[in-house]
Amino acid sequence: MKKLYINGKIYVDKEHFEESMLISNGIIVALGTNEELMKYEADEVVDLLGKTMLPGLNDSHLHLTMMGDYMNICNLTSAKSIDEVVGLGKKFLAEHPDTKVLIGKGWNQNSFQEGERRFINRHDLDRISTDIPIVFDRVCIHVSVGNTKALEILNIDETTKIKGGEIQLGADGKPNGIFNEGAVKLIQSVIPSKSAEDISRDFIRAMDYAVSVGLTSVQSCDVMSKDFEKVFNAIDNIVKENKLKLRYSHQFNFQDIEDFKAYLRSEHLYGVYDEKMYSKGALKLFKDGSLGARTALMSTGYNDAPHETGVDALDDDKLYELCKLAHENNIRVLIHAIGDKAIQSVIDVYEKLIDDKNNILRHGIVHNQITTKAQLEKIAELGLTVMYQPIFLLSDIAIINDRVGDELEKTSYAFNSLYQMGAPVSLSTDAPVEDCNPFENIYVAVNRMRFDFTPKGGYFKEECMSVSDAIDAYTIKSAYLEGQEDFKGRLKPGFVADMVILDRDIFTIDKTEIKDIKVVETIVGGNTVYKS
């Protein structure tokens, strides 16, 4: 099956566009002018009517099944106060009276505009209900809050301890319902485990949304230590049933080495991977938490809370042990690190593993937010891959200086500087922490402004990326991270026909309009998977 696209603006490379493209059996055969390619016989001719076509976009770090889960629970992202969080919970229960456990996600105390700007606690959730357990996750997913009923069911009291996490105590010396990092899993254990059917439904729901916003590849952290075989099986079955609409690469999380060894003896050997549509992917580890929750691991105390330095979610010895085992098995490692101390630990571990600064396995850092200039230079020198989330600036602009002070702020969220140093920088959204819409993310990468266009001129505007650099970070650079840059991420002969057609020209519109771009059509391997 040969298909010819004509009359388009087809992005090939920086400042390089073509008018026409021929694909055959899902592979790009040729690009050129209409006149040059009309000589080929095609089964179908598609007139792009001048529309812009990009390579399919590749989110280098998100959580697809969690996205699908978020679409079916109490969404707290709109809450502007603790009272609104409570109100949303009450409204959800009124609309879903058979709820056995109330699950909510997305609250952010930094977005509260009325009343106290603090973490919600169990007493707040008790205002919603004391009859059923309630668990509400902060937007970063590094802090969860349970109501009194949830704590009672799990027999949690002031003596309960969790390594790599904290169960906070209130002024009365009793747990106040706030759990961070490693302790999050404890409070979430009150939530009934999902069945394989639930996981599959969440995955497919999120996948359908992802292709509608132009994603043709995702690198997704859906597998955690708990129930890892069930999650792998659910996704494997979607693949076997030919229901996969986009290219999927795992980022599986095992903080415990025995769980990781169990994976190496099972799924790693017997999975249904083809490394084109469905890839084994990488080991994803968590070194620290988030800036907004003050659980990012800092080398000195927080500027606005000097007694706090964050949470070490995985001590350096265990971090090295896990990374070494992965490296010995030729498995790429990606480590969540946000605070400068966490990032330094990750750099130190990778430097021990990488020979002659040749990062063959493409080991990398997820987030890489609070950095010194020396750390940026070392990351570039080692060739470490970095998965940045520019869209985090929508909320973080308001807190960065408060958290880290003037000096460290200047070299943080430095995705353009690191990109220009030649480091392999990719872009992602960490959805459902933020929406996986790549055009909203590119808008922030290019403008470094909120959606209301503040701060005027952009936050540290020297860190604004060019439009083409941001697109490349979403396409060929994300493919490089996976070791797949030889067949996807560009619209060139020999590459797979993964592309997206836009409703307007991202290269010529005012840069502030990029967030408003809509997808006309998403194509994976030559097949249309979404059409508006």
Protein backbone atom coordinates (compact mmCIF):
# COMPACT_ATOMS: atom_id res chain seq x y z
CA MET A 1 0.00 0.00 0.00
CA LYS A 2 1.58 3.24 -1.20
CA LYS A 3 0.29 6.60 -0.04
CA LEU A 4 1.42 9.97 -1.37
CA TYR A 5 1.04 13.17 0.65
CA ILE A 6 1.17 16.39 -1.40
CA ASN A 7 0.91 20.16 -0.82
CA GLY A 8 2.21 20.06 2.71
CA LYS A 9 4.79 21.75 4.90
CA ILE A 10 6.63 18.65 6.07
CA TYR A 11 9.25 19.17 8.77
CA VAL A 12 12.39 17.20 7.96
CA ASP A 13 15.08 18.97 9.98
CA LYS A 14 15.85 22.42 11.31
CA GLU A 15 14.91 24.93 8.54
CA HIS A 16 14.38 22.02 6.14
CA PHE A 17 10.86 21.37 4.88
CA GLU A 18 9.49 19.37 1.97
CA GLU A 19 6.23 19.58 0.05
CA SER A 20 5.48 15.93 -0.61
CA MET A 21 6.14 12.52 0.96
CA LEU A 22 5.65 8.95 -0.25
CA ILE A 23 5.16 6.07 2.17
CA SER A 24 4.91 2.36 1.45
CA ASN A 25 3.79 -0.28 3.95
CA GLY A 26 4.31 2.09 6.86
CA ILE A 27 7.82 3.24 5.86
CA ILE A 28 8.82 6.58 4.35
CA VAL A 29 10.17 6.05 0.84
CA ALA A 30 10.85 9.53 -0.49
CA LEU A 31 10.39 13.26 0.12
CA GLY A 32 10.54 16.15 -2.29
CA THR A 33 8.39 18.49 -4.35
CA ASN A 34 4.96 17.55 -5.67
CA GLU A 35 6.43 17.39 -9.15
CA GLU A 36 9.25 15.05 -8.11
CA LEU A 37 7.03 12.60 -6.28
CA MET A 38 3.98 12.60 -8.55
CA LYS A 39 6.00 10.38 -10.90
CA TYR A 40 5.52 7.53 -8.42
CA GLU A 41 2.41 5.40 -8.66
CA ALA A 42 0.43 5.55 -5.42
CA ASP A 43 -2.67 3.74 -4.22
CA GLU A 44 -3.87 6.89 -2.48
CA VAL A 45 -3.05 10.58 -2.78
CA VAL A 46 -3.68 12.82 0.26
CA ASP A 47 -3.79 16.59 -0.24
CA LEU A 48 -2.50 18.28 2.92
CA LEU A 49 -3.87 21.63 1.73
CA GLY A 50 -0.80 23.43 3.01
CA LYS A 51 -0.99 22.01 6.53
CA THR A 52 2.11 21.41 8.65
CA MET A 53 3.23 17.85 9.30
CA LEU A 54 5.64 16.91 12.12
CA PRO A 55 7.24 13.63 13.09
CA GLY A 56 5.08 11.84 15.64
CA LEU A 57 5.70 13.23 19.12
CA ASN A 58 7.32 11.04 21.77
CA ASP A 59 6.70 11.76 25.47
CA SER A 60 9.86 10.49 27.16
CA HIS A 61 8.35 10.08 30.63
CA LEU A 62 4.76 9.68 31.75
CA HIS A 63 2.43 7.20 33.49
CA LEU A 64 -0.14 6.02 30.97
CA THR A 65 -2.26 3.73 33.14
CA MET A 66 -2.30 6.32 35.92
CA MET A 67 -3.56 8.82 33.34
CA GLY A 68 -6.45 6.51 32.58
CA ASP A 69 -7.10 6.07 36.29
CA TYR A 70 -7.20 9.86 36.77
CA MET A 71 -9.96 10.08 34.19
CA ASN A 72 -12.28 8.08 36.44
CA ILE A 73 -11.67 9.42 39.97
CA CYS A 74 -12.11 12.64 41.97
CA ASN A 75 -10.06 15.26 40.10
CA LEU A 76 -8.70 17.89 42.50
CA THR A 77 -6.57 19.93 40.10
CA SER A 78 -9.02 22.82 40.01
CA ALA A 79 -9.11 23.30 43.80
CA LYS A 80 -8.06 26.81 44.88
CA SER A 81 -8.44 26.19 48.61
CA ILE A 82 -8.73 23.45 51.20
CA ASP A 83 -12.47 24.10 51.33
CA GLU A 84 -12.68 23.46 47.58
CA VAL A 85 -10.80 20.16 48.00
CA VAL A 86 -13.38 19.17 50.62
CA GLY A 87 -16.22 20.35 48.41
CA LEU A 88 -14.99 18.35 45.41
CA GLY A 89 -14.77 15.25 47.58
CA LYS A 90 -18.32 15.71 48.89
CA LYS A 91 -19.63 16.34 45.36
CA PHE A 92 -17.97 13.16 44.05
CA LEU A 93 -19.50 11.06 46.85
CA ALA A 94 -22.93 12.56 46.21
CA GLU A 95 -22.65 11.61 42.54
CA HIS A 96 -21.15 8.17 43.28
CA PRO A 97 -22.98 6.98 46.43
CA ASP A 98 -21.69 3.39 46.12
CA THR A 99 -18.04 4.47 46.50
CA LYS A 100 -16.20 2.14 48.91
CA VAL A 101 -12.89 4.04 48.91
CA LEU A 102 -12.74 7.70 47.81
CA ILE A 103 -9.65 8.34 45.70
CA GLY A 104 -8.69 11.86 44.67
CA LYS A 105 -5.66 13.22 42.86
CA GLY A 106 -4.16 16.54 41.87
CA TRP A 107 -4.38 18.96 44.83
CA ASN A 108 -1.58 21.49 45.11
CA GLN A 109 -1.26 23.77 48.13
CA ASN A 110 0.83 26.19 46.05
CA SER A 111 -2.27 26.85 43.94
CA PHE A 112 -4.51 27.66 46.90
CA GLN A 113 -5.69 31.28 46.66
CA GLU A 114 -8.01 31.37 49.66
CA GLY A 115 -7.48 30.33 53.27
CA GLU A 116 -4.37 28.48 54.40
CA ARG A 117 -1.73 27.46 51.83
CA ARG A 118 -0.74 24.22 53.52
CA PHE A 119 -0.92 20.50 52.93
CA ILE A 120 -4.36 19.05 53.51
CA ASN A 121 -4.51 16.56 56.39
CA ARG A 122 -6.73 13.81 57.77
CA HIS A 123 -8.90 16.28 59.67
CA ASP A 124 -9.75 18.05 56.39
CA LEU A 125 -10.66 14.72 54.76
CA ASP A 126 -12.74 13.74 57.79
CA ARG A 127 -15.01 16.64 56.83
CA ILE A 128 -15.83 14.66 53.66
CA SER A 129 -16.46 11.33 55.38
CA THR A 130 -15.47 9.32 58.45
CA ASP A 131 -17.37 6.24 57.25
CA ILE A 132 -15.19 5.21 54.30
CA PRO A 133 -11.42 5.48 53.73
CA ILE A 134 -10.23 8.45 51.69
CA VAL A 135 -6.84 8.90 49.99
CA PHE A 136 -6.04 12.15 48.18
CA ASP A 137 -2.74 12.42 46.26
CA ARG A 138 -0.87 15.67 45.82
CA VAL A 139 -0.30 16.67 42.18
CA CYS A 140 3.33 15.45 42.29
CA ILE A 141 2.23 11.99 43.54
CA HIS A 142 5.02 12.16 46.15
CA VAL A 143 2.61 13.05 48.94
CA SER A 144 -0.67 11.33 49.81
CA VAL A 145 -3.14 12.12 52.56
CA GLY A 146 -5.49 9.66 54.25
CA ASN A 147 -8.47 10.31 56.48
CA THR A 148 -8.83 8.88 59.99
CA LYS A 149 -10.79 5.86 58.71
CA ALA A 150 -7.96 4.92 56.32
CA LEU A 151 -5.40 5.10 59.14
CA GLU A 152 -7.59 2.99 61.40
CA ILE A 153 -8.05 0.27 58.77
CA LEU A 154 -4.28 0.04 58.28
CA ASN A 155 -3.54 0.23 62.04
CA ILE A 156 -1.24 3.22 61.52
CA ASP A 157 -0.21 5.08 64.65
CA GLU A 158 2.68 7.21 65.93
CA THR A 159 4.96 4.13 66.14
CA THR A 160 4.59 3.18 62.47
CA LYS A 161 7.80 3.80 60.52
CA ILE A 162 8.65 3.46 56.81
CA LYS A 163 12.19 3.52 55.42
CA GLY A 164 12.63 6.02 52.60
CA GLY A 165 9.49 7.91 53.56
CA GLU A 166 7.75 9.79 56.34
CA ILE A 167 4.46 9.46 58.18
CA GLN A 168 4.03 12.97 59.53
CA LEU A 169 2.85 13.61 63.09
CA GLY A 170 0.62 16.49 64.14
CA ALA A 171 0.95 18.75 67.16
CA ASP A 172 -0.77 16.08 69.24
CA GLY A 173 1.97 13.56 68.43
CA LYS A 174 -0.44 11.45 66.35
CA PRO A 175 -0.28 10.86 62.56
CA ASN A 176 -1.86 13.80 60.77
CA GLY A 177 -2.63 11.72 57.66
CA ILE A 178 0.23 13.08 55.53
CA PHE A 179 2.50 10.46 53.93
CA ASN A 180 5.45 11.21 51.66
CA GLU A 181 7.78 9.26 49.36
CA GLY A 182 8.20 5.62 50.44
CA ALA A 183 5.31 5.94 52.89
CA VAL A 184 2.87 6.82 50.09
CA LYS A 185 2.54 3.14 49.17
CA LEU A 186 1.45 2.35 52.72
CA ILE A 187 -1.55 4.67 52.79
CA GLN A 188 -2.43 3.73 49.20
CA SER A 189 -2.60 0.07 50.24
CA VAL A 190 -6.08 0.80 51.64
CA ILE A 191 -7.19 1.13 47.98
CA PRO A 192 -8.31 -2.23 46.53
CA SER A 193 -5.91 -3.64 43.96
CA LYS A 194 -6.94 -3.18 40.37
CA SER A 195 -7.78 -6.22 38.30
CA ALA A 196 -6.07 -6.89 34.97
CA GLU A 197 -9.29 -5.71 33.31
CA ASP A 198 -9.15 -2.41 35.25
CA ILE A 199 -5.53 -1.88 34.21
CA SER A 200 -6.32 -2.62 30.58
CA ARG A 201 -9.29 -0.23 30.62
CA ASP A 202 -7.18 2.56 32.16
CA PHE A 203 -4.40 1.98 29.63
CA ILE A 204 -6.69 2.07 26.60
CA ARG A 205 -8.59 5.14 27.85
CA ALA A 206 -5.32 7.06 28.26
CA MET A 207 -3.87 5.77 25.00
CA ASP A 208 -6.88 7.04 23.06
CA TYR A 209 -6.38 10.49 24.58
CA ALA A 210 -2.62 10.44 23.95
CA VAL A 211 -2.97 9.84 20.21
CA SER A 212 -5.63 12.57 20.02
CA VAL A 213 -3.04 15.15 21.12
CA GLY A 214 -0.35 13.92 18.72
CA LEU A 215 1.66 11.35 20.67
CA THR A 216 2.82 8.41 18.58
CA SER A 217 5.31 7.08 21.15
CA VAL A 218 5.34 7.04 24.93
CA GLN A 219 7.93 5.95 27.46
CA SER A 220 5.74 5.07 30.38
CA CYS A 221 6.29 4.14 34.01
CA ASP A 222 3.29 1.92 34.72
CA VAL A 223 5.00 -0.98 36.47
CA MET A 224 5.83 -0.66 40.17
CA SER A 225 7.20 -3.41 42.40
CA LYS A 226 3.73 -4.23 43.74
CA ASP A 227 1.74 -6.52 41.41
CA PHE A 228 4.32 -6.07 38.65
CA GLU A 229 3.42 -9.35 36.91
CA LYS A 230 -0.25 -8.33 36.70
CA VAL A 231 0.57 -4.99 35.09
CA PHE A 232 3.03 -6.52 32.64
CA ASN A 233 0.48 -9.19 31.70
CA ALA A 234 -2.27 -6.63 31.15
CA ILE A 235 -0.10 -4.56 28.79
CA ASP A 236 1.34 -7.67 27.09
CA ASN A 237 -2.22 -8.80 26.34
CA ILE A 238 -3.09 -5.45 24.77
CA VAL A 239 -0.10 -5.97 22.48
CA LYS A 240 -1.07 -9.56 21.66
CA GLU A 241 -4.61 -8.46 20.82
CA ASN A 242 -3.26 -5.80 18.41
CA LYS A 243 -4.89 -2.99 20.38
CA LEU A 244 -1.74 -0.89 20.70
CA LYS A 245 -2.22 2.39 18.83
CA LEU A 246 1.14 3.96 19.65
CA ARG A 247 4.72 2.82 20.24
CA TYR A 248 5.21 1.93 23.88
CA SER A 249 8.40 1.61 25.90
CA HIS A 250 8.41 0.50 29.55
CA GLN A 251 9.98 2.41 32.42
CA PHE A 252 9.57 -0.16 35.19
CA ASN A 253 10.19 0.80 38.82
CA PHE A 254 11.86 -1.60 41.26
CA GLN A 255 13.26 0.08 44.36
CA ASP A 256 14.00 -3.33 45.91
CA ILE A 257 16.72 -5.43 44.32
CA GLU A 258 14.94 -8.73 44.98
CA ASP A 259 11.90 -7.50 43.05
CA PHE A 260 14.20 -6.43 40.22
CA LYS A 261 15.85 -9.87 40.18
CA ALA A 262 12.40 -11.47 40.00
CA TYR A 263 11.69 -9.34 36.92
CA LEU A 264 14.98 -10.42 35.35
CA ARG A 265 13.95 -14.07 35.79
CA SER A 266 10.49 -13.56 34.31
CA GLU A 267 9.18 -10.73 32.10
CA HIS A 268 12.65 -9.69 30.96
CA LEU A 269 13.16 -13.13 29.42
CA TYR A 270 9.67 -14.00 28.24
CA GLY A 271 7.90 -10.76 27.27
CA VAL A 272 6.34 -10.22 23.83
CA TYR A 273 8.66 -7.40 22.76
CA ASP A 274 9.56 -6.51 19.18
CA GLU A 275 11.58 -3.35 20.07
CA LYS A 276 9.75 -1.38 17.40
CA MET A 277 6.17 -1.11 18.59
CA TYR A 278 6.66 -2.53 22.09
CA SER A 279 9.98 -2.19 23.92
CA LYS A 280 11.43 -3.59 27.16
CA GLY A 281 12.62 -0.11 28.04
CA ALA A 282 14.41 0.94 31.19
CA LEU A 283 14.67 0.54 34.95
CA LYS A 284 13.16 3.65 36.55
CA LEU A 285 14.30 4.54 40.08
CA PHE A 286 13.30 7.28 42.52
CA LYS A 287 16.10 9.08 44.36
CA ASP A 288 14.02 11.87 45.89
CA GLY A 289 10.65 13.62 45.79
CA SER A 290 9.31 16.94 44.52
CA LEU A 291 10.11 20.61 44.99
CA GLY A 292 6.53 21.59 45.76
CA ALA A 293 6.31 19.05 48.57
CA ARG A 294 9.81 19.94 49.86
CA THR A 295 10.81 16.28 49.46
CA ALA A 296 13.38 16.97 46.70
CA LEU A 297 16.77 16.17 48.25
CA MET A 298 18.83 19.33 48.70
CA SER A 299 22.48 19.80 49.64
CA THR A 300 21.49 22.52 52.10
CA GLY A 301 18.23 23.39 53.83
CA TYR A 302 15.37 24.86 51.84
CA ASN A 303 15.56 28.62 51.54
CA ASP A 304 12.05 28.93 53.05
CA ALA A 305 12.44 26.02 55.51
CA PRO A 306 16.14 25.76 56.51
CA HIS A 307 15.53 22.77 58.79
CA GLU A 308 14.23 20.67 55.86
CA THR A 309 16.50 19.07 53.23
CA GLY A 310 14.09 16.66 51.54
CA VAL A 311 13.77 12.89 51.48
CA ASP A 312 16.37 10.34 50.39
CA ALA A 313 14.04 7.76 48.81
CA LEU A 314 16.89 5.34 47.99
CA ASP A 315 20.24 5.46 49.77
CA ASP A 316 23.37 5.71 47.65
CA ASP A 317 24.55 2.14 48.28
CA LYS A 318 21.23 0.61 47.18
CA LEU A 319 21.05 3.02 44.26
CA TYR A 320 24.44 1.87 43.03
CA GLU A 321 23.57 -1.81 43.60
CA LEU A 322 20.42 -1.54 41.48
CA CYS A 323 22.14 0.50 38.76
CA LYS A 324 25.06 -1.93 38.60
CA LEU A 325 22.78 -4.94 38.22
CA ALA A 326 20.85 -3.20 35.44
CA HIS A 327 24.04 -2.11 33.70
CA GLU A 328 25.42 -5.66 33.82
CA ASN A 329 22.22 -6.86 32.15
CA ASN A 330 22.41 -4.16 29.44
CA ILE A 331 19.34 -2.38 30.82
CA ARG A 332 19.11 1.39 30.62
CA VAL A 333 18.57 3.18 33.95
CA LEU A 334 16.54 6.38 34.40
CA ILE A 335 16.56 8.01 37.83
CA HIS A 336 14.07 10.52 39.17
CA ALA A 337 16.19 13.28 40.73
CA ILE A 338 15.00 16.85 41.39
CA GLY A 339 17.10 18.33 44.21
CA ASP A 340 20.77 19.19 43.65
CA LYS A 341 21.95 16.63 46.23
CA ALA A 342 19.91 13.88 44.56
CA ILE A 343 21.28 14.87 41.15
CA GLN A 344 24.86 14.77 42.46
CA SER A 345 24.31 11.25 43.82
CA VAL A 346 22.99 10.14 40.44
CA ILE A 347 25.92 11.70 38.58
CA ASP A 348 28.35 9.97 40.95
CA VAL A 349 26.71 6.56 40.41
CA TYR A 350 26.67 6.90 36.64
CA GLU A 351 30.29 8.05 36.56
CA LYS A 352 31.26 4.75 38.21
CA LEU A 353 29.34 2.75 35.59
CA ILE A 354 30.12 4.58 32.37
CA ASP A 355 33.45 3.69 30.76
CA ASP A 356 35.41 6.42 28.99
CA LYS A 357 32.40 8.77 29.17
CA ASN A 358 30.66 6.54 26.58
CA ASN A 359 27.06 6.22 27.73
CA ILE A 360 26.19 3.36 25.39
CA LEU A 361 23.08 2.31 27.32
CA ARG A 362 21.76 5.89 27.42
CA HIS A 363 21.44 6.04 31.23
CA GLY A 364 19.69 9.23 32.27
CA ILE A 365 18.01 11.56 34.73
CA VAL A 366 14.29 12.25 34.94
CA HIS A 367 13.41 15.87 35.89
CA ASN A 368 16.91 17.27 36.66
CA GLN A 369 15.38 20.46 38.04
CA ILE A 370 17.65 22.03 40.67
CA THR A 371 21.18 22.05 39.29
CA THR A 372 24.49 23.84 39.65
CA LYS A 373 26.47 24.90 36.59
CA ALA A 374 29.11 22.26 37.42
CA GLN A 375 26.45 19.56 37.47
CA LEU A 376 25.11 20.63 34.07
CA GLU A 377 28.61 20.49 32.64
CA LYS A 378 29.24 17.01 34.08
CA ILE A 379 25.92 15.72 32.73
CA ALA A 380 26.88 16.94 29.26
CA GLU A 381 30.39 15.52 29.58
CA LEU A 382 29.07 12.05 30.51
CA GLY A 383 26.42 12.17 27.78
CA LEU A 384 23.66 11.46 30.26
CA THR A 385 20.17 11.61 28.79
CA VAL A 386 17.78 14.03 30.48
CA MET A 387 13.98 14.01 30.49
CA TYR A 388 12.80 17.58 31.21
CA GLN A 389 9.23 18.76 31.88
CA PRO A 390 9.05 22.47 30.94
CA ILE A 391 5.33 22.47 31.78
CA PHE A 392 6.23 22.10 35.48
CA LEU A 393 7.12 25.80 35.34
CA LEU A 394 3.40 26.67 35.20
CA SER A 395 3.22 26.05 38.93
CA ASP A 396 6.88 26.05 39.94
CA ILE A 397 7.70 29.60 38.80
CA ALA A 398 5.90 30.81 41.91
CA ILE A 399 7.97 28.73 44.34
CA ILE A 400 11.47 28.18 42.91
CA ASN A 401 13.08 31.27 44.45
CA ASP A 402 11.39 30.66 47.79
CA ARG A 403 12.66 27.09 47.82
CA VAL A 404 16.25 27.46 46.57
CA GLY A 405 17.24 31.16 46.65
CA ASP A 406 18.75 33.49 44.05
CA GLU A 407 22.02 31.75 43.20
CA LEU A 408 20.75 28.21 42.62
CA GLU A 409 17.65 29.48 40.82
CA LYS A 410 19.85 30.90 38.02
CA THR A 411 21.11 27.46 36.95
CA SER A 412 17.95 25.43 37.55
CA TYR A 413 15.30 24.30 35.04
CA ALA A 414 18.10 24.96 32.57
CA PHE A 415 16.85 22.84 29.71
CA ASN A 416 18.02 25.17 26.94
CA SER A 417 21.52 25.56 28.40
CA LEU A 418 21.93 21.80 28.70
CA TYR A 419 20.53 21.27 25.20
CA GLN A 420 23.01 23.78 23.76
CA MET A 421 25.84 21.99 25.61
CA GLY A 422 25.05 19.00 23.39
CA ALA A 423 23.47 16.81 26.05
CA PRO A 424 20.69 14.51 24.79
CA VAL A 425 17.71 16.42 26.19
CA SER A 426 14.18 15.14 25.63
CA LEU A 427 10.84 16.58 26.69
CA SER A 428 8.01 14.96 28.61
CA THR A 429 5.03 15.83 30.80
CA ASP A 430 5.09 13.23 33.61
CA ALA A 431 1.34 12.91 32.96
CA PRO A 432 -0.92 12.76 34.85
CA VAL A 433 1.13 15.22 36.94
CA GLU A 434 0.48 17.54 33.98
CA ASP A 435 -1.63 17.02 30.86
CA CYS A 436 0.25 15.00 28.22
CA ASN A 437 -0.68 17.53 25.50
CA PRO A 438 2.73 18.16 23.87
CA PHE A 439 1.79 21.56 22.48
CA GLU A 440 1.12 23.02 25.91
CA ASN A 441 4.52 21.65 26.94
CA ILE A 442 6.26 23.08 23.86
CA TYR A 443 4.57 26.42 24.56
CA VAL A 444 6.26 26.55 27.97
CA ALA A 445 9.60 25.33 26.59
CA VAL A 446 9.57 28.12 24.00
CA ASN A 447 8.02 30.95 26.07
CA ARG A 448 8.71 30.04 29.73
CA MET A 449 5.46 31.79 30.62
CA ARG A 450 2.22 30.69 32.23
CA PHE A 451 -0.87 30.49 30.07
CA ASP A 452 -1.75 34.07 31.12
CA PHE A 453 1.59 35.16 29.52
CA THR A 454 3.35 35.91 32.81
CA PRO A 455 6.07 36.63 33.63
CA LYS A 456 6.31 39.02 30.70
CA GLY A 457 9.21 38.13 28.42
CA GLY A 458 9.64 34.72 30.03
CA TYR A 459 11.14 33.28 33.20
CA PHE A 460 14.95 33.46 32.68
CA LYS A 461 14.27 33.99 28.98
CA GLU A 462 17.77 32.87 27.99
CA GLU A 463 16.50 29.37 28.78
CA CYS A 464 13.72 29.59 26.16
CA MET A 465 14.17 26.92 23.50
CA SER A 466 13.65 27.58 19.81
CA VAL A 467 10.56 25.97 18.28
CA SER A 468 12.61 23.54 16.19
CA ASP A 469 14.80 22.56 19.16
CA ALA A 470 11.70 21.86 21.26
CA ILE A 471 10.20 19.74 18.47
CA ASP A 472 13.48 17.85 18.06
CA ALA A 473 13.59 17.24 21.82
CA TYR A 474 10.11 15.74 21.49
CA THR A 475 11.00 13.57 18.49
CA ILE A 476 14.53 12.56 17.50
CA LYS A 477 16.02 13.25 20.95
CA SER A 478 13.30 11.22 22.66
CA ALA A 479 13.96 8.43 20.17
CA TYR A 480 17.69 8.64 20.98
CA LEU A 481 16.89 8.12 24.64
CA GLU A 482 15.33 4.76 23.70
CA GLY A 483 18.15 3.81 21.31
CA GLN A 484 15.64 4.03 18.45
CA GLU A 485 16.85 7.10 16.60
CA ASP A 486 17.76 4.96 13.58
CA PHE A 487 14.12 4.31 12.62
CA LYS A 488 11.86 6.94 14.22
CA GLY A 489 11.83 10.59 15.26
CA ARG A 490 12.37 12.06 11.79
CA LEU A 491 10.43 12.18 8.54
CA LYS A 492 13.14 10.76 6.30
CA PRO A 493 13.44 7.83 3.89
CA GLY A 494 13.77 4.55 5.75
CA PHE A 495 12.05 5.85 8.90
CA VAL A 496 8.64 4.66 10.08
CA ALA A 497 5.71 6.77 8.96
CA ASP A 498 4.80 8.17 12.37
CA MET A 499 3.52 11.72 11.95
CA VAL A 500 1.03 14.30 13.07
CA ILE A 501 -0.85 16.87 10.99
CA LEU A 502 -1.60 20.20 12.70
CA ASP A 503 -4.41 22.73 12.34
CA ARG A 504 -1.92 25.59 12.08
CA ASP A 505 1.76 26.18 11.35
CA ILE A 506 3.73 25.90 14.57
CA PHE A 507 6.74 27.55 12.91
CA THR A 508 5.05 30.79 11.84
CA ILE A 509 2.24 31.49 14.32
CA ASP A 510 2.86 33.76 17.28
CA LYS A 511 4.69 31.62 19.83
CA THR A 512 2.04 32.37 22.43
CA GLU A 513 -0.49 30.49 20.26
CA ILE A 514 1.42 27.19 20.33
CA LYS A 515 -0.56 25.96 23.35
CA ASP A 516 -3.76 26.26 21.29
CA ILE A 517 -2.62 23.99 18.43
CA LYS A 518 -4.99 21.11 17.70
CA VAL A 519 -4.19 17.84 15.98
CA VAL A 520 -5.97 17.13 12.70
CA GLU A 521 -4.63 13.59 12.28
CA THR A 522 -2.23 11.23 14.04
CA ILE A 523 -0.58 8.48 12.01
CA VAL A 524 1.47 5.53 13.34
CA GLY A 525 3.25 3.22 10.93
CA GLY A 526 1.26 4.70 8.07
CA ASN A 527 -2.08 3.99 9.76
CA THR A 528 -4.41 6.73 11.01
CA VAL A 529 -4.99 6.24 14.74
CA TYR A 530 -6.79 9.54 15.33
CA LYS A 531 -8.62 12.01 13.09
CA SER A 532 -10.44 15.10 14.30
